[in-house]
Amino acid sequence: MDGVLLLDKPAGMTSHDCVNIARKVLKTKKVGHTGTLDPNVTGVLPLCIGRATKISQFLTANEKEYLGEVTLGFSTTTEDADGEMVDRQFVEGEITEEDVKSVFNEMMGPSIQVPPMYSAVKVNGKKLYEYARAGIEVERPKREVTIENLELTSQITKTDDGLVKFSFRVRGSKGLFVRTVAVTIGEKLGYPAHMSYLRRVASGSFKIESCLTMEEFKQRAEQGTLTLMSVEEAMSAFPSVTVDAWVEKLVRNGVQLHHEQVKQTAYSPVALFSRDGKCLAVYEKHPTREVYRSVRGFF
């Protein structure tokens, strides 16, 4: 079985847990995911199966969209609800809709973000959460991220114990940590904060409406009614060029191509499709020569 399974990841499972379940259900070892979601985060998790494992690196979309919740009043070690409390401050007065929207407008666009210590970002070959669990502080690499859209999606509510909660929708670039977005919102409003809920509703062209729950996936696999998104469909949003039969032969042999053979495209990397609609490979511009070279073939 080859293709992409769009899974609505349940809370309480790691992305790798989902991969292991898919391997057992589909009776194949050739299953991989396209980017981790934290255990308590739900939503869009594309799983690549069979031949589709060859395209997984190209499905780590530059743009993702989430529904989340901010809780003002205390921060945590992990920046989400799973961590231990670090700082507690009773929310005095009123946080208005205008206050929140003003902060959201201020945060739109590019910015420099420091990833949380409890994250899978690697420093010197080790994941940050491994350092964090060992109680070791290391310098975290700063990264440029972009928030394309940030909007309030609920009323602002205050609890009896001095916490303030509200929900938001955010669309941003690859590498954006929404936990850190929640903490930054709190800082700009003058209070410690954490992300108390998160659901990924889109990853590139993959939408939550197209995803199967874990139960639906298992049931359809058992009934023999499971269908996967083809490699070609999954790569349809990737910049692409259709090549002729002669160039297809070159591509199948991993030969470097001249610009005219990829239709003088300005894209790099670019997916090359055959005239009968088969996704053949991804090519990229050579760093020093005026040719395109193969990144990965999908034969």
Protein backbone atom coordinates (compact mmCIF):
# COMPACT_ATOMS: atom_id res chain seq x y z
CA MET A 1 0.00 0.00 0.00
CA ASP A 2 1.43 3.36 -1.09
CA GLY A 3 0.23 6.85 -0.31
CA VAL A 4 -0.39 9.44 2.39
CA LEU A 5 -2.76 8.88 5.30
CA LEU A 6 -4.15 12.09 6.75
CA LEU A 7 -4.63 11.33 10.42
CA ASP A 8 -6.37 13.41 13.06
CA LYS A 9 -3.89 12.68 15.84
CA PRO A 10 -5.57 12.08 19.20
CA ALA A 11 -4.36 13.59 22.46
CA GLY A 12 -2.11 11.45 24.62
CA MET A 13 -0.14 9.88 21.75
CA THR A 14 3.22 10.85 20.31
CA SER A 15 3.60 11.09 16.55
CA HIS A 16 5.78 7.98 16.71
CA ASP A 17 3.02 6.12 18.58
CA CYS A 18 0.78 6.82 15.57
CA VAL A 19 3.47 5.55 13.19
CA ASN A 20 3.78 2.31 15.18
CA ILE A 21 0.02 1.75 15.16
CA ALA A 22 -0.11 2.33 11.38
CA ARG A 23 2.74 -0.14 10.87
CA LYS A 24 0.86 -2.84 12.80
CA VAL A 25 -2.51 -2.16 11.18
CA LEU A 26 -1.13 -2.01 7.63
CA LYS A 27 1.48 -4.73 8.23
CA THR A 28 4.37 -2.71 6.83
CA LYS A 29 7.48 -1.11 8.28
CA LYS A 30 7.50 1.60 5.62
CA VAL A 31 5.58 4.27 7.54
CA GLY A 32 6.84 7.69 8.57
CA HIS A 33 5.43 11.03 9.70
CA THR A 34 6.14 14.50 8.31
CA GLY A 35 6.82 16.34 11.55
CA THR A 36 6.07 15.77 15.20
CA LEU A 37 3.12 16.98 17.21
CA ASP A 38 3.45 17.09 21.00
CA PRO A 39 1.55 14.27 22.77
CA ASN A 40 -1.35 16.45 23.97
CA VAL A 41 -1.68 18.35 20.68
CA THR A 42 -4.32 17.01 18.30
CA GLY A 43 -4.95 17.45 14.61
CA VAL A 44 -3.42 17.09 11.17
CA LEU A 45 -0.64 14.49 11.04
CA PRO A 46 0.21 13.21 7.54
CA LEU A 47 1.67 9.67 7.57
CA CYS A 48 3.63 8.51 4.53
CA ILE A 49 3.25 4.84 3.65
CA GLY A 50 5.20 2.62 1.23
CA ARG A 51 6.54 4.56 -1.77
CA ALA A 52 5.23 7.77 -0.21
CA THR A 53 7.96 7.62 2.48
CA LYS A 54 10.25 8.98 -0.26
CA ILE A 55 8.30 12.27 -0.35
CA SER A 56 8.01 12.85 3.40
CA GLN A 57 10.79 15.46 3.49
CA PHE A 58 8.87 17.54 0.95
CA LEU A 59 5.61 17.52 2.90
CA THR A 60 6.94 19.41 5.93
CA ALA A 61 4.85 22.40 4.90
CA ASN A 62 6.17 25.93 5.22
CA GLU A 63 2.80 27.08 6.55
CA LYS A 64 0.67 25.56 9.30
CA GLU A 65 -2.51 26.67 11.07
CA TYR A 66 -3.59 26.05 14.65
CA LEU A 67 -6.42 26.66 17.09
CA GLY A 68 -5.10 27.33 20.56
CA GLU A 69 -5.90 28.70 23.99
CA VAL A 70 -3.86 31.07 26.17
CA THR A 71 -4.10 31.02 29.94
CA LEU A 72 -2.82 34.16 31.67
CA GLY A 73 -1.84 33.93 35.33
CA PHE A 74 0.98 31.42 35.44
CA SER A 75 3.82 30.13 33.29
CA THR A 76 5.23 26.59 33.14
CA THR A 77 8.54 24.85 32.47
CA THR A 78 7.25 23.49 29.14
CA GLU A 79 5.23 26.58 28.11
CA ASP A 80 2.11 24.38 27.98
CA ALA A 81 -0.26 22.78 30.48
CA ASP A 82 1.97 19.70 30.98
CA GLY A 83 4.80 21.53 32.73
CA GLU A 84 5.39 22.55 36.31
CA MET A 85 4.35 26.03 37.40
CA VAL A 86 7.17 28.57 37.28
CA ASP A 87 5.61 31.95 37.95
CA ARG A 88 2.14 32.77 39.35
CA GLN A 89 0.51 36.17 39.23
CA PHE A 90 -3.13 37.00 39.92
CA VAL A 91 -4.62 38.86 36.93
CA GLU A 92 -5.71 42.24 38.25
CA GLY A 93 -8.30 44.36 36.49
CA GLU A 94 -9.77 43.57 33.09
CA ILE A 95 -8.13 42.24 29.94
CA THR A 96 -10.21 43.66 27.11
CA GLU A 97 -10.75 42.45 23.56
CA GLU A 98 -9.04 45.63 22.37
CA ASP A 99 -5.98 44.83 24.54
CA VAL A 100 -5.67 41.36 23.02
CA LYS A 101 -6.23 42.47 19.44
CA SER A 102 -3.63 45.22 19.83
CA VAL A 103 -1.06 42.63 20.96
CA PHE A 104 -2.03 40.32 18.10
CA ASN A 105 -1.51 43.08 15.55
CA GLU A 106 1.88 43.85 17.08
CA MET A 107 2.98 40.21 16.73
CA MET A 108 2.06 39.82 13.06
CA GLY A 109 4.87 39.43 10.54
CA PRO A 110 8.47 38.20 10.94
CA SER A 111 10.17 37.93 14.33
CA ILE A 112 12.99 36.10 16.08
CA GLN A 113 11.86 33.21 18.28
CA VAL A 114 13.81 31.11 20.78
CA PRO A 115 12.52 27.51 20.91
CA PRO A 116 11.38 26.11 24.30
CA MET A 117 13.82 23.97 26.27
CA TYR A 118 11.23 21.19 26.14
CA SER A 119 11.31 20.77 22.36
CA ALA A 120 12.82 18.45 19.76
CA VAL A 121 15.18 21.11 18.36
CA LYS A 122 18.71 19.68 18.34
CA VAL A 123 21.82 21.33 19.79
CA ASN A 124 25.12 19.47 19.32
CA GLY A 125 23.27 16.34 18.24
CA LYS A 126 20.95 16.18 21.26
CA LYS A 127 17.35 17.29 21.53
CA LEU A 128 16.66 20.23 23.82
CA TYR A 129 14.22 18.23 25.94
CA GLU A 130 17.04 15.77 26.72
CA TYR A 131 19.09 18.62 28.18
CA ALA A 132 16.02 19.93 30.02
CA ARG A 133 15.26 16.56 31.62
CA ALA A 134 18.87 16.37 32.79
CA GLY A 135 18.62 19.87 34.27
CA ILE A 136 21.18 21.27 31.83
CA GLU A 137 20.72 24.75 30.36
CA VAL A 138 22.16 25.26 26.89
CA GLU A 139 22.12 28.17 24.51
CA ARG A 140 19.16 27.75 22.20
CA PRO A 141 19.42 28.65 18.52
CA LYS A 142 17.34 31.66 17.55
CA ARG A 143 15.23 31.34 14.42
CA GLU A 144 13.28 33.71 12.24
CA VAL A 145 9.60 32.85 12.03
CA THR A 146 6.60 34.60 10.55
CA ILE A 147 3.05 34.90 11.85
CA GLU A 148 0.80 35.33 8.82
CA ASN A 149 -2.46 35.62 10.76
CA LEU A 150 -3.40 35.81 14.44
CA GLU A 151 -6.99 36.32 15.50
CA LEU A 152 -9.13 36.08 18.62
CA THR A 153 -11.78 33.33 18.35
CA SER A 154 -13.52 33.42 21.74
CA GLN A 155 -14.65 35.66 24.53
CA ILE A 156 -12.13 36.56 27.23
CA THR A 157 -13.08 34.82 30.47
CA LYS A 158 -11.78 35.28 34.00
CA THR A 159 -11.86 32.45 36.53
CA ASP A 160 -12.43 32.69 40.27
CA ASP A 161 -8.76 31.92 40.93
CA GLY A 162 -7.52 34.93 38.97
CA LEU A 163 -6.75 33.30 35.61
CA VAL A 164 -7.77 34.71 32.24
CA LYS A 165 -8.39 32.47 29.22
CA PHE A 166 -9.11 33.09 25.55
CA SER A 167 -8.81 31.16 22.29
CA PHE A 168 -7.03 32.13 19.09
CA ARG A 169 -6.31 31.00 15.54
CA VAL A 170 -2.77 31.34 14.23
CA ARG A 171 -1.24 30.67 10.83
CA GLY A 172 2.51 30.80 10.59
CA SER A 173 5.71 29.62 8.98
CA LYS A 174 7.53 26.35 9.42
CA GLY A 175 9.33 26.26 12.78
CA LEU A 176 6.86 28.48 14.63
CA PHE A 177 6.35 27.32 18.23
CA VAL A 178 2.78 28.15 19.22
CA ARG A 179 3.64 27.53 22.87
CA THR A 180 6.10 30.40 22.65
CA VAL A 181 3.48 32.52 20.87
CA ALA A 182 1.18 32.01 23.88
CA VAL A 183 3.94 32.97 26.32
CA THR A 184 4.76 36.08 24.28
CA ILE A 185 1.10 37.12 24.24
CA GLY A 186 1.13 36.94 28.03
CA GLU A 187 4.36 38.93 28.32
CA LYS A 188 2.95 41.70 26.13
CA LEU A 189 -0.20 41.80 28.28
CA GLY A 190 1.95 41.97 31.41
CA TYR A 191 1.36 38.48 32.86
CA PRO A 192 2.99 35.04 32.93
CA ALA A 193 1.15 32.71 30.55
CA HIS A 194 1.14 29.30 28.94
CA MET A 195 -0.59 27.50 26.10
CA SER A 196 -3.45 25.48 27.60
CA TYR A 197 -4.78 23.86 24.41
CA LEU A 198 -3.61 23.33 20.83
CA ARG A 199 -5.04 21.70 17.71
CA ARG A 200 -3.42 21.75 14.26
CA VAL A 201 -6.11 22.33 11.65
CA ALA A 202 -3.94 22.67 8.53
CA SER A 203 -0.48 21.66 7.36
CA GLY A 204 0.16 23.17 3.96
CA SER A 205 -2.63 21.95 1.67
CA PHE A 206 -3.70 19.22 4.12
CA LYS A 207 -6.81 20.22 6.09
CA ILE A 208 -8.40 18.74 9.20
CA GLU A 209 -11.65 18.13 7.30
CA SER A 210 -9.84 15.50 5.19
CA CYS A 211 -8.36 13.63 8.16
CA LEU A 212 -9.46 10.32 9.64
CA THR A 213 -9.60 9.71 13.38
CA MET A 214 -7.53 6.80 14.66
CA GLU A 215 -10.73 4.77 15.09
CA GLU A 216 -11.90 5.51 11.54
CA PHE A 217 -8.49 4.54 10.16
CA LYS A 218 -8.47 1.21 12.00
CA GLN A 219 -12.06 0.43 11.00
CA ARG A 220 -11.55 1.18 7.31
CA ALA A 221 -8.30 -0.80 7.24
CA GLU A 222 -10.07 -3.79 8.81
CA GLN A 223 -12.99 -3.52 6.36
CA GLY A 224 -10.70 -3.10 3.34
CA THR A 225 -12.21 0.30 2.49
CA LEU A 226 -9.18 2.43 3.37
CA THR A 227 -7.95 4.69 0.56
CA LEU A 228 -4.79 6.76 0.72
CA MET A 229 -3.88 10.02 -0.98
CA SER A 230 -1.58 9.22 -3.91
CA VAL A 231 1.99 10.50 -4.11
CA GLU A 232 0.91 12.63 -7.07
CA GLU A 233 -2.01 14.18 -5.20
CA ALA A 234 0.14 14.81 -2.12
CA MET A 235 2.75 16.59 -4.24
CA SER A 236 0.21 18.58 -6.25
CA ALA A 237 0.76 21.75 -4.20
CA PHE A 238 4.54 21.55 -4.65
CA PRO A 239 6.04 23.71 -7.47
CA SER A 240 6.10 21.40 -10.48
CA VAL A 241 7.01 20.98 -14.14
CA THR A 242 5.83 18.35 -16.64
CA VAL A 243 8.71 16.94 -18.71
CA ASP A 244 8.71 15.09 -22.02
CA ALA A 245 9.52 11.40 -22.54
CA TRP A 246 13.22 12.01 -23.30
CA VAL A 247 13.78 14.08 -20.16
CA GLU A 248 11.85 11.48 -18.16
CA LYS A 249 14.47 8.89 -19.14
CA LEU A 250 17.22 11.22 -17.92
CA VAL A 251 15.38 11.83 -14.66
CA ARG A 252 14.97 8.11 -14.05
CA ASN A 253 18.75 7.81 -14.28
CA GLY A 254 19.40 10.77 -12.01
CA VAL A 255 21.03 12.81 -14.77
CA GLN A 256 21.55 16.53 -14.23
CA LEU A 257 19.28 18.71 -16.36
CA HIS A 258 19.73 22.00 -18.17
CA HIS A 259 17.32 24.87 -17.54
CA GLU A 260 15.52 24.38 -20.83
CA GLN A 261 14.86 20.74 -19.91
CA VAL A 262 12.89 21.89 -16.86
CA LYS A 263 11.03 24.51 -18.92
CA GLN A 264 13.22 27.38 -17.65
CA THR A 265 11.41 27.24 -14.30
CA ALA A 266 12.47 29.66 -11.58
CA TYR A 267 11.48 27.20 -8.85
CA SER A 268 14.03 25.32 -6.79
CA PRO A 269 13.36 22.71 -5.59
CA VAL A 270 10.79 21.61 -8.18
CA ALA A 271 8.81 18.38 -8.63
CA LEU A 272 9.09 16.80 -12.08
CA PHE A 273 6.02 15.01 -13.45
CA SER A 274 5.79 12.73 -16.49
CA ARG A 275 3.34 13.47 -19.27
CA ASP A 276 1.03 10.76 -17.93
CA GLY A 277 0.91 12.46 -14.50
CA LYS A 278 3.46 10.38 -12.58
CA CYS A 279 5.55 12.24 -10.00
CA LEU A 280 9.11 11.28 -10.94
CA ALA A 281 11.50 13.20 -8.70
CA VAL A 282 12.41 16.47 -7.04
CA TYR A 283 15.25 18.48 -8.57
CA GLU A 284 17.04 21.60 -7.34
CA LYS A 285 19.39 24.20 -8.78
CA HIS A 286 23.05 23.23 -8.51
CA PRO A 287 24.84 25.63 -6.11
CA THR A 288 27.74 26.36 -8.48
CA ARG A 289 26.66 25.25 -11.96
CA GLU A 290 23.87 26.28 -14.33
CA VAL A 291 22.08 22.93 -14.07
CA TYR A 292 19.44 21.20 -11.97
CA ARG A 293 20.40 18.12 -9.95
CA SER A 294 18.32 15.32 -8.46
CA VAL A 295 17.36 15.59 -4.80
CA ARG A 296 15.21 12.46 -4.62
CA GLY A 297 13.68 10.05 -7.11
CA PHE A 298 10.32 8.38 -6.45
CA PHE A 299 10.66 5.24 -8.55
